[in-house]
Amino acid sequence: MAYIKRTATLALFLLLLTTMGFFAASVVKYQGDLTKLNDDIRTKRVEINSLNNQIEDVKLNLTKLSDSLSLQIVREQDLSNQYLNVKGAKESLESKNTVLQKNLADLNLRFLSLEMNFTNLSDDYDNVLDDADDICDYSATANITECSDYR
């Protein structure tokens, strides 16, 4: 029986050594796999941080662009309002200009009419003075003593 015990002990010892060898090999293999996995996780974490920084930069640029666009929209609305105000003022001034040009043309016609009337009246006045001078020249025949009243 001792032989069986020795063989069983030896078999158990070899089984123990084999199990310990497999255990050591699996520990080394799993340690290598876990090291590789940990390195991959670190690499991915660096990539994630890099992508996160890029996303933050894009967010910042997007915020700046949004602010710039909002400012541009406000400026365009302001310019549009100014354009409409200027356009309304221009149309008002053009209508006033048309009215004033018509009034100027009417005043020019009236001035020409008054100038012609003045010329006619001036000619008539000159004729009256000439007639008064003629009368004064012939005052002896007309019995007019004071011709200075007509001059």
N, C-alpha and C. Protein backbone atom coordinates (compact mmCIF):
# COMPACT_ATOMS: atom_id res chain seq x y z
N MET A 1 0.77 -1.17 0.00
CA MET A 1 0.00 0.00 0.00
C MET A 1 0.83 1.26 0.00
N ALA A 2 2.00 1.11 0.54
CA ALA A 2 2.85 2.26 0.58
C ALA A 2 3.23 2.73 -0.81
N TYR A 3 3.32 1.72 -1.74
CA TYR A 3 3.66 2.07 -3.10
C TYR A 3 2.53 2.91 -3.70
N ILE A 4 1.32 2.61 -3.45
CA ILE A 4 0.17 3.34 -3.97
C ILE A 4 0.17 4.72 -3.33
N LYS A 5 0.52 4.75 -2.11
CA LYS A 5 0.51 6.04 -1.48
C LYS A 5 1.62 6.90 -2.05
N ARG A 6 2.73 6.26 -2.32
CA ARG A 6 3.83 7.03 -2.86
C ARG A 6 3.48 7.46 -4.27
N THR A 7 2.90 6.65 -5.07
CA THR A 7 2.53 6.97 -6.43
C THR A 7 1.44 8.03 -6.40
N ALA A 8 0.52 7.85 -5.51
CA ALA A 8 -0.55 8.84 -5.41
C ALA A 8 0.02 10.16 -4.92
N THR A 9 0.97 10.09 -4.02
CA THR A 9 1.58 11.31 -3.52
C THR A 9 2.36 11.96 -4.65
N LEU A 10 3.10 11.11 -5.39
CA LEU A 10 3.87 11.65 -6.50
C LEU A 10 2.94 12.22 -7.57
N ALA A 11 1.87 11.54 -7.84
CA ALA A 11 0.92 12.02 -8.83
C ALA A 11 0.28 13.32 -8.35
N LEU A 12 -0.05 13.33 -7.09
CA LEU A 12 -0.64 14.56 -6.54
C LEU A 12 0.38 15.70 -6.55
N PHE A 13 1.66 15.34 -6.26
CA PHE A 13 2.70 16.35 -6.28
C PHE A 13 2.89 16.88 -7.70
N LEU A 14 2.90 15.97 -8.70
CA LEU A 14 3.04 16.40 -10.09
C LEU A 14 1.81 17.20 -10.53
N LEU A 15 0.67 16.78 -10.08
CA LEU A 15 -0.55 17.53 -10.39
C LEU A 15 -0.49 18.92 -9.77
N LEU A 16 0.05 18.98 -8.54
CA LEU A 16 0.21 20.27 -7.88
C LEU A 16 1.19 21.13 -8.62
N LEU A 17 2.34 20.54 -9.06
CA LEU A 17 3.33 21.32 -9.81
C LEU A 17 2.75 21.77 -11.15
N THR A 18 2.01 20.90 -11.80
CA THR A 18 1.41 21.26 -13.07
C THR A 18 0.39 22.38 -12.85
N THR A 19 -0.41 22.25 -11.82
CA THR A 19 -1.40 23.28 -11.53
C THR A 19 -0.72 24.59 -11.21
N MET A 20 0.37 24.51 -10.42
CA MET A 20 1.10 25.74 -10.09
C MET A 20 1.75 26.32 -11.35
N GLY A 21 2.25 25.46 -12.24
CA GLY A 21 2.83 25.94 -13.50
C GLY A 21 1.77 26.62 -14.36
N PHE A 22 0.61 25.95 -14.47
CA PHE A 22 -0.49 26.58 -15.23
C PHE A 22 -0.93 27.89 -14.59
N PHE A 23 -0.97 27.86 -13.24
CA PHE A 23 -1.37 29.07 -12.52
C PHE A 23 -0.35 30.18 -12.76
N ALA A 24 0.94 29.85 -12.69
CA ALA A 24 1.99 30.85 -12.92
C ALA A 24 1.93 31.35 -14.37
N ALA A 25 1.74 30.40 -15.29
CA ALA A 25 1.66 30.80 -16.71
C ALA A 25 0.44 31.67 -16.95
N SER A 26 -0.69 31.31 -16.34
CA SER A 26 -1.90 32.12 -16.54
C SER A 26 -1.76 33.49 -15.88
N VAL A 27 -1.07 33.54 -14.72
CA VAL A 27 -0.83 34.84 -14.06
C VAL A 27 0.03 35.71 -14.96
N VAL A 28 1.08 35.15 -15.53
CA VAL A 28 1.96 35.91 -16.42
C VAL A 28 1.19 36.34 -17.66
N LYS A 29 0.40 35.41 -18.22
CA LYS A 29 -0.37 35.75 -19.43
C LYS A 29 -1.40 36.83 -19.10
N TYR A 30 -2.14 36.66 -18.01
CA TYR A 30 -3.16 37.65 -17.66
C TYR A 30 -2.54 38.99 -17.27
N GLN A 31 -1.36 38.93 -16.64
CA GLN A 31 -0.67 40.18 -16.31
C GLN A 31 -0.28 40.91 -17.59
N GLY A 32 0.22 40.15 -18.56
CA GLY A 32 0.58 40.76 -19.85
C GLY A 32 -0.65 41.32 -20.55
N ASP A 33 -1.73 40.52 -20.52
CA ASP A 33 -2.97 40.99 -21.16
C ASP A 33 -3.51 42.22 -20.45
N LEU A 34 -3.48 42.19 -19.11
CA LEU A 34 -3.98 43.34 -18.35
C LEU A 34 -3.09 44.57 -18.55
N THR A 35 -1.78 44.36 -18.66
CA THR A 35 -0.86 45.48 -18.94
C THR A 35 -1.17 46.07 -20.30
N LYS A 36 -1.35 45.17 -21.29
CA LYS A 36 -1.68 45.64 -22.64
C LYS A 36 -3.03 46.37 -22.61
N LEU A 37 -4.01 45.80 -21.90
CA LEU A 37 -5.33 46.42 -21.80
C LEU A 37 -5.24 47.77 -21.10
N ASN A 38 -4.43 47.83 -20.04
CA ASN A 38 -4.24 49.10 -19.31
C ASN A 38 -3.58 50.14 -20.22
N ASP A 39 -2.59 49.72 -21.00
CA ASP A 39 -1.94 50.64 -21.95
C ASP A 39 -2.95 51.12 -23.00
N ASP A 40 -3.77 50.18 -23.50
CA ASP A 40 -4.80 50.57 -24.47
C ASP A 40 -5.79 51.56 -23.86
N ILE A 41 -6.16 51.32 -22.58
CA ILE A 41 -7.08 52.24 -21.89
C ILE A 41 -6.44 53.61 -21.74
N ARG A 42 -5.16 53.65 -21.39
CA ARG A 42 -4.45 54.94 -21.27
C ARG A 42 -4.42 55.65 -22.62
N THR A 43 -4.12 54.89 -23.68
CA THR A 43 -4.08 55.48 -25.03
C THR A 43 -5.45 56.03 -25.40
N LYS A 44 -6.49 55.25 -25.11
CA LYS A 44 -7.85 55.70 -25.42
C LYS A 44 -8.21 56.91 -24.59
N ARG A 45 -7.77 56.92 -23.32
CA ARG A 45 -8.05 58.06 -22.44
C ARG A 45 -7.37 59.32 -22.99
N VAL A 46 -6.12 59.19 -23.48
CA VAL A 46 -5.41 60.32 -24.09
C VAL A 46 -6.17 60.79 -25.34
N GLU A 47 -6.62 59.82 -26.15
CA GLU A 47 -7.38 60.18 -27.35
C GLU A 47 -8.69 60.86 -26.96
N ILE A 48 -9.35 60.34 -25.93
CA ILE A 48 -10.60 60.96 -25.47
C ILE A 48 -10.36 62.37 -24.97
N ASN A 49 -9.27 62.58 -24.21
CA ASN A 49 -8.94 63.93 -23.74
C ASN A 49 -8.64 64.86 -24.91
N SER A 50 -7.91 64.33 -25.91
CA SER A 50 -7.61 65.12 -27.09
C SER A 50 -8.90 65.50 -27.83
N LEU A 51 -9.78 64.51 -28.00
CA LEU A 51 -11.07 64.78 -28.66
C LEU A 51 -11.91 65.75 -27.83
N ASN A 52 -11.86 65.60 -26.51
CA ASN A 52 -12.60 66.51 -25.64
C ASN A 52 -12.08 67.93 -25.79
N ASN A 53 -10.75 68.09 -25.86
CA ASN A 53 -10.17 69.42 -26.08
C ASN A 53 -10.58 69.98 -27.43
N GLN A 54 -10.59 69.12 -28.45
CA GLN A 54 -11.02 69.58 -29.78
C GLN A 54 -12.49 69.99 -29.75
N ILE A 55 -13.31 69.22 -29.04
CA ILE A 55 -14.74 69.56 -28.93
C ILE A 55 -14.91 70.88 -28.19
N GLU A 56 -14.13 71.10 -27.15
CA GLU A 56 -14.19 72.37 -26.41
C GLU A 56 -13.78 73.53 -27.32
N ASP A 57 -12.73 73.31 -28.13
CA ASP A 57 -12.31 74.36 -29.08
C ASP A 57 -13.42 74.64 -30.09
N VAL A 58 -14.04 73.57 -30.58
CA VAL A 58 -15.13 73.75 -31.54
C VAL A 58 -16.31 74.48 -30.88
N LYS A 59 -16.61 74.12 -29.61
CA LYS A 59 -17.68 74.80 -28.87
C LYS A 59 -17.36 76.29 -28.72
N LEU A 60 -16.11 76.58 -28.37
CA LEU A 60 -15.70 77.98 -28.21
C LEU A 60 -15.82 78.73 -29.53
N ASN A 61 -15.34 78.11 -30.62
CA ASN A 61 -15.45 78.74 -31.94
C ASN A 61 -16.91 78.91 -32.33
N LEU A 62 -17.72 77.90 -32.01
CA LEU A 62 -19.14 77.98 -32.32
C LEU A 62 -19.81 79.09 -31.53
N THR A 63 -19.44 79.24 -30.28
CA THR A 63 -19.99 80.32 -29.45
C THR A 63 -19.58 81.68 -30.02
N LYS A 64 -18.30 81.80 -30.39
CA LYS A 64 -17.84 83.06 -30.99
C LYS A 64 -18.56 83.34 -32.29
N LEU A 65 -18.72 82.30 -33.10
CA LEU A 65 -19.42 82.46 -34.37
C LEU A 65 -20.87 82.84 -34.15
N SER A 66 -21.49 82.23 -33.17
CA SER A 66 -22.88 82.53 -32.84
C SER A 66 -23.02 83.98 -32.38
N ASP A 67 -22.09 84.42 -31.51
CA ASP A 67 -22.11 85.81 -31.06
C ASP A 67 -21.89 86.76 -32.23
N SER A 68 -20.94 86.42 -33.08
CA SER A 68 -20.65 87.25 -34.24
C SER A 68 -21.86 87.31 -35.17
N LEU A 69 -22.51 86.17 -35.37
CA LEU A 69 -23.70 86.12 -36.22
C LEU A 69 -24.83 86.93 -35.61
N SER A 70 -25.01 86.83 -34.31
CA SER A 70 -26.05 87.62 -33.64
C SER A 70 -25.77 89.10 -33.80
N LEU A 71 -24.52 89.49 -33.62
CA LEU A 71 -24.15 90.90 -33.79
C LEU A 71 -24.38 91.34 -35.23
N GLN A 72 -24.03 90.48 -36.18
CA GLN A 72 -24.23 90.82 -37.59
C GLN A 72 -25.71 90.95 -37.90
N ILE A 73 -26.54 90.09 -37.33
CA ILE A 73 -27.98 90.17 -37.55
C ILE A 73 -28.52 91.49 -36.99
N VAL A 74 -28.06 91.86 -35.80
CA VAL A 74 -28.50 93.13 -35.20
C VAL A 74 -28.06 94.30 -36.08
N ARG A 75 -26.81 94.24 -36.57
CA ARG A 75 -26.32 95.32 -37.43
C ARG A 75 -27.12 95.39 -38.74
N GLU A 76 -27.42 94.22 -39.31
CA GLU A 76 -28.19 94.20 -40.56
C GLU A 76 -29.59 94.77 -40.33
N GLN A 77 -30.21 94.44 -39.19
CA GLN A 77 -31.53 94.99 -38.90
C GLN A 77 -31.44 96.50 -38.71
N ASP A 78 -30.38 96.94 -38.02
CA ASP A 78 -30.19 98.38 -37.81
C ASP A 78 -29.97 99.08 -39.15
N LEU A 79 -29.12 98.49 -40.01
CA LEU A 79 -28.89 99.08 -41.32
C LEU A 79 -30.16 99.07 -42.18
N SER A 80 -30.93 98.02 -42.05
CA SER A 80 -32.19 97.94 -42.79
C SER A 80 -33.13 99.05 -42.34
N ASN A 81 -33.21 99.25 -41.02
CA ASN A 81 -34.06 100.34 -40.49
C ASN A 81 -33.54 101.70 -40.94
N GLN A 82 -32.22 101.87 -40.90
CA GLN A 82 -31.64 103.13 -41.36
C GLN A 82 -31.93 103.34 -42.84
N TYR A 83 -31.81 102.26 -43.63
CA TYR A 83 -32.09 102.37 -45.06
C TYR A 83 -33.54 102.78 -45.30
N LEU A 84 -34.45 102.14 -44.56
CA LEU A 84 -35.87 102.49 -44.72
C LEU A 84 -36.12 103.94 -44.32
N ASN A 85 -35.47 104.39 -43.24
CA ASN A 85 -35.62 105.79 -42.82
C ASN A 85 -35.08 106.74 -43.86
N VAL A 86 -33.89 106.42 -44.39
CA VAL A 86 -33.28 107.28 -45.41
C VAL A 86 -34.13 107.27 -46.68
N LYS A 87 -34.63 106.09 -47.04
CA LYS A 87 -35.46 105.98 -48.24
C LYS A 87 -36.73 106.81 -48.07
N GLY A 88 -37.36 106.74 -46.89
CA GLY A 88 -38.56 107.55 -46.63
C GLY A 88 -38.24 109.04 -46.67
N ALA A 89 -37.12 109.41 -46.07
CA ALA A 89 -36.71 110.82 -46.09
C ALA A 89 -36.43 111.28 -47.51
N LYS A 90 -35.79 110.40 -48.31
CA LYS A 90 -35.48 110.74 -49.70
C LYS A 90 -36.76 110.95 -50.49
N GLU A 91 -37.72 110.02 -50.32
CA GLU A 91 -38.99 110.17 -51.04
C GLU A 91 -39.72 111.43 -50.61
N SER A 92 -39.67 111.74 -49.32
CA SER A 92 -40.31 112.96 -48.81
C SER A 92 -39.64 114.19 -49.42
N LEU A 93 -38.30 114.18 -49.42
CA LEU A 93 -37.56 115.32 -49.99
C LEU A 93 -37.80 115.45 -51.49
N GLU A 94 -37.89 114.31 -52.18
CA GLU A 94 -38.16 114.36 -53.62
C GLU A 94 -39.55 114.94 -53.89
N SER A 95 -40.53 114.55 -53.08
CA SER A 95 -41.87 115.11 -53.27
C SER A 95 -41.88 116.60 -52.95
N LYS A 96 -41.18 116.99 -51.89
CA LYS A 96 -41.08 118.43 -51.57
C LYS A 96 -40.35 119.17 -52.69
N ASN A 97 -39.30 118.53 -53.23
CA ASN A 97 -38.55 119.15 -54.33
C ASN A 97 -39.46 119.35 -55.54
N THR A 98 -40.29 118.36 -55.84
CA THR A 98 -41.22 118.47 -56.97
C THR A 98 -42.19 119.62 -56.74
N VAL A 99 -42.73 119.70 -55.52
CA VAL A 99 -43.67 120.79 -55.18
C VAL A 99 -42.95 122.13 -55.28
N LEU A 100 -41.73 122.19 -54.75
CA LEU A 100 -40.99 123.45 -54.79
C LEU A 100 -40.62 123.84 -56.22
N GLN A 101 -40.27 122.86 -57.06
CA GLN A 101 -39.97 123.18 -58.46
C GLN A 101 -41.22 123.71 -59.17
N LYS A 102 -42.37 123.12 -58.86
CA LYS A 102 -43.62 123.60 -59.46
C LYS A 102 -43.91 125.02 -58.99
N ASN A 103 -43.71 125.24 -57.67
CA ASN A 103 -43.92 126.59 -57.13
C ASN A 103 -42.94 127.58 -57.76
N LEU A 104 -41.68 127.15 -57.96
CA LEU A 104 -40.69 128.02 -58.59
C LEU A 104 -41.11 128.35 -60.02
N ALA A 105 -41.58 127.34 -60.75
CA ALA A 105 -42.02 127.60 -62.12
C ALA A 105 -43.19 128.57 -62.12
N ASP A 106 -44.16 128.38 -61.18
CA ASP A 106 -45.30 129.30 -61.08
C ASP A 106 -44.83 130.71 -60.73
N LEU A 107 -43.87 130.79 -59.79
CA LEU A 107 -43.36 132.11 -59.40
C LEU A 107 -42.59 132.76 -60.55
N ASN A 108 -41.85 131.96 -61.32
CA ASN A 108 -41.14 132.51 -62.48
C ASN A 108 -42.13 133.07 -63.51
N LEU A 109 -43.20 132.31 -63.73
CA LEU A 109 -44.22 132.81 -64.67
C LEU A 109 -44.86 134.09 -64.15
N ARG A 110 -45.14 134.09 -62.85
CA ARG A 110 -45.76 135.29 -62.26
C ARG A 110 -44.79 136.47 -62.32
N PHE A 111 -43.48 136.17 -62.06
CA PHE A 111 -42.47 137.23 -62.13
C PHE A 111 -42.39 137.80 -63.54
N LEU A 112 -42.38 136.90 -64.53
CA LEU A 112 -42.33 137.37 -65.92
C LEU A 112 -43.57 138.21 -66.25
N SER A 113 -44.71 137.75 -65.75
CA SER A 113 -45.95 138.50 -65.98
C SER A 113 -45.87 139.87 -65.32
N LEU A 114 -45.40 139.89 -64.07
CA LEU A 114 -45.27 141.17 -63.36
C LEU A 114 -44.22 142.06 -64.01
N GLU A 115 -43.15 141.44 -64.50
CA GLU A 115 -42.10 142.21 -65.18
C GLU A 115 -42.66 142.84 -66.46
N MET A 116 -43.46 142.06 -67.19
CA MET A 116 -44.08 142.62 -68.40
C MET A 116 -45.05 143.74 -68.03
N ASN A 117 -45.83 143.53 -66.97
CA ASN A 117 -46.74 144.59 -66.52
C ASN A 117 -45.96 145.82 -66.10
N PHE A 118 -44.83 145.62 -65.39
CA PHE A 118 -44.01 146.74 -64.97
C PHE A 118 -43.45 147.48 -66.18
N THR A 119 -42.99 146.69 -67.16
CA THR A 119 -42.45 147.31 -68.37
C THR A 119 -43.54 148.11 -69.09
N ASN A 120 -44.72 147.51 -69.18
CA ASN A 120 -45.83 148.23 -69.82
C ASN A 120 -46.20 149.49 -69.04
N LEU A 121 -46.27 149.34 -67.71
CA LEU A 121 -46.60 150.50 -66.88
C LEU A 121 -45.51 151.55 -66.94
N SER A 122 -44.25 151.09 -66.97
CA SER A 122 -43.14 152.03 -67.09
C SER A 122 -43.20 152.77 -68.42
N ASP A 123 -43.53 152.00 -69.50
CA ASP A 123 -43.68 152.66 -70.81
C ASP A 123 -44.84 153.65 -70.77
N ASP A 124 -45.95 153.23 -70.15
CA ASP A 124 -47.10 154.13 -70.03
C ASP A 124 -46.74 155.38 -69.24
N TYR A 125 -45.96 155.18 -68.15
CA TYR A 125 -45.56 156.32 -67.32
C TYR A 125 -44.66 157.25 -68.13
N ASP A 126 -43.73 156.65 -68.89
CA ASP A 126 -42.86 157.47 -69.74
C ASP A 126 -43.69 158.25 -70.78
N ASN A 127 -44.70 157.58 -71.32
CA ASN A 127 -45.56 158.26 -72.29
C ASN A 127 -46.33 159.41 -71.63
N VAL A 128 -46.78 159.17 -70.40
CA VAL A 128 -47.50 160.24 -69.68
C VAL A 128 -46.56 161.41 -69.41
N LEU A 129 -45.32 161.10 -69.01
CA LEU A 129 -44.36 162.18 -68.77
C LEU A 129 -44.05 162.94 -70.07
N ASP A 130 -43.91 162.18 -71.16
CA ASP A 130 -43.67 162.83 -72.45
C ASP A 130 -44.85 163.74 -72.82
N ASP A 131 -46.05 163.19 -72.57
CA ASP A 131 -47.24 164.00 -72.85
C ASP A 131 -47.27 165.24 -71.97
N ALA A 132 -46.86 165.09 -70.69
CA ALA A 132 -46.83 166.25 -69.78
C ALA A 132 -45.80 167.25 -70.25
N ASP A 133 -44.65 166.74 -70.73
CA ASP A 133 -43.63 167.65 -71.25
C ASP A 133 -44.14 168.38 -72.48
N ASP A 134 -44.82 167.64 -73.33
CA ASP A 134 -45.37 168.27 -74.53
C ASP A 134 -46.40 169.34 -74.15
N ILE A 135 -47.19 169.01 -73.16
CA ILE A 135 -48.21 169.98 -72.72
C ILE A 135 -47.53 171.19 -72.14
N CYS A 136 -46.46 170.96 -71.35
CA CYS A 136 -45.75 172.08 -70.75
C CYS A 136 -45.08 172.93 -71.83
N ASP A 137 -44.59 172.26 -72.89
CA ASP A 137 -43.97 173.01 -73.97
C ASP A 137 -45.00 173.91 -74.66
N TYR A 138 -46.19 173.45 -74.69
CA TYR A 138 -47.23 174.26 -75.31
C TYR A 138 -48.11 174.91 -74.25
N SER A 139 -47.51 175.23 -73.12
CA SER A 139 -48.26 175.78 -72.00
C SER A 139 -48.85 177.15 -72.32
N ALA A 140 -48.21 177.85 -73.18
CA ALA A 140 -48.73 179.16 -73.50
C ALA A 140 -50.06 179.02 -74.21
N THR A 141 -50.19 178.04 -75.00
CA THR A 141 -51.45 177.87 -75.71
C THR A 141 -52.50 177.22 -74.85
N ALA A 142 -52.06 176.44 -73.82
CA ALA A 142 -53.02 175.73 -72.99
C ALA A 142 -53.32 176.46 -71.70
N ASN A 143 -52.68 177.57 -71.48
CA ASN A 143 -52.83 178.39 -70.27
C ASN A 143 -52.51 177.58 -69.00
N ILE A 144 -51.45 176.81 -69.04
CA ILE A 144 -50.99 176.07 -67.86
C ILE A 144 -49.79 176.84 -67.36
N THR A 145 -49.86 177.25 -66.13
CA THR A 145 -48.79 178.11 -65.61
C THR A 145 -47.76 177.31 -64.84
N GLU A 146 -48.15 176.26 -64.24
CA GLU A 146 -47.19 175.54 -63.44
C GLU A 146 -46.97 174.14 -64.00
N CYS A 147 -45.97 174.03 -64.81
CA CYS A 147 -45.65 172.73 -65.41
C CYS A 147 -44.77 171.88 -64.49
N SER A 148 -44.22 172.46 -63.50
CA SER A 148 -43.36 171.70 -62.60
C SER A 148 -44.13 170.65 -61.81
N ASP A 149 -45.44 170.84 -61.72
CA ASP A 149 -46.26 169.85 -61.01
C ASP A 149 -46.34 168.54 -61.79
N TYR A 150 -46.10 168.58 -63.08
CA TYR A 150 -46.20 167.38 -63.90
C TYR A 150 -44.87 166.64 -64.05
N ARG A 151 -43.85 167.25 -63.57
CA ARG A 151 -42.53 166.62 -63.72
C ARG A 151 -42.04 165.98 -62.51
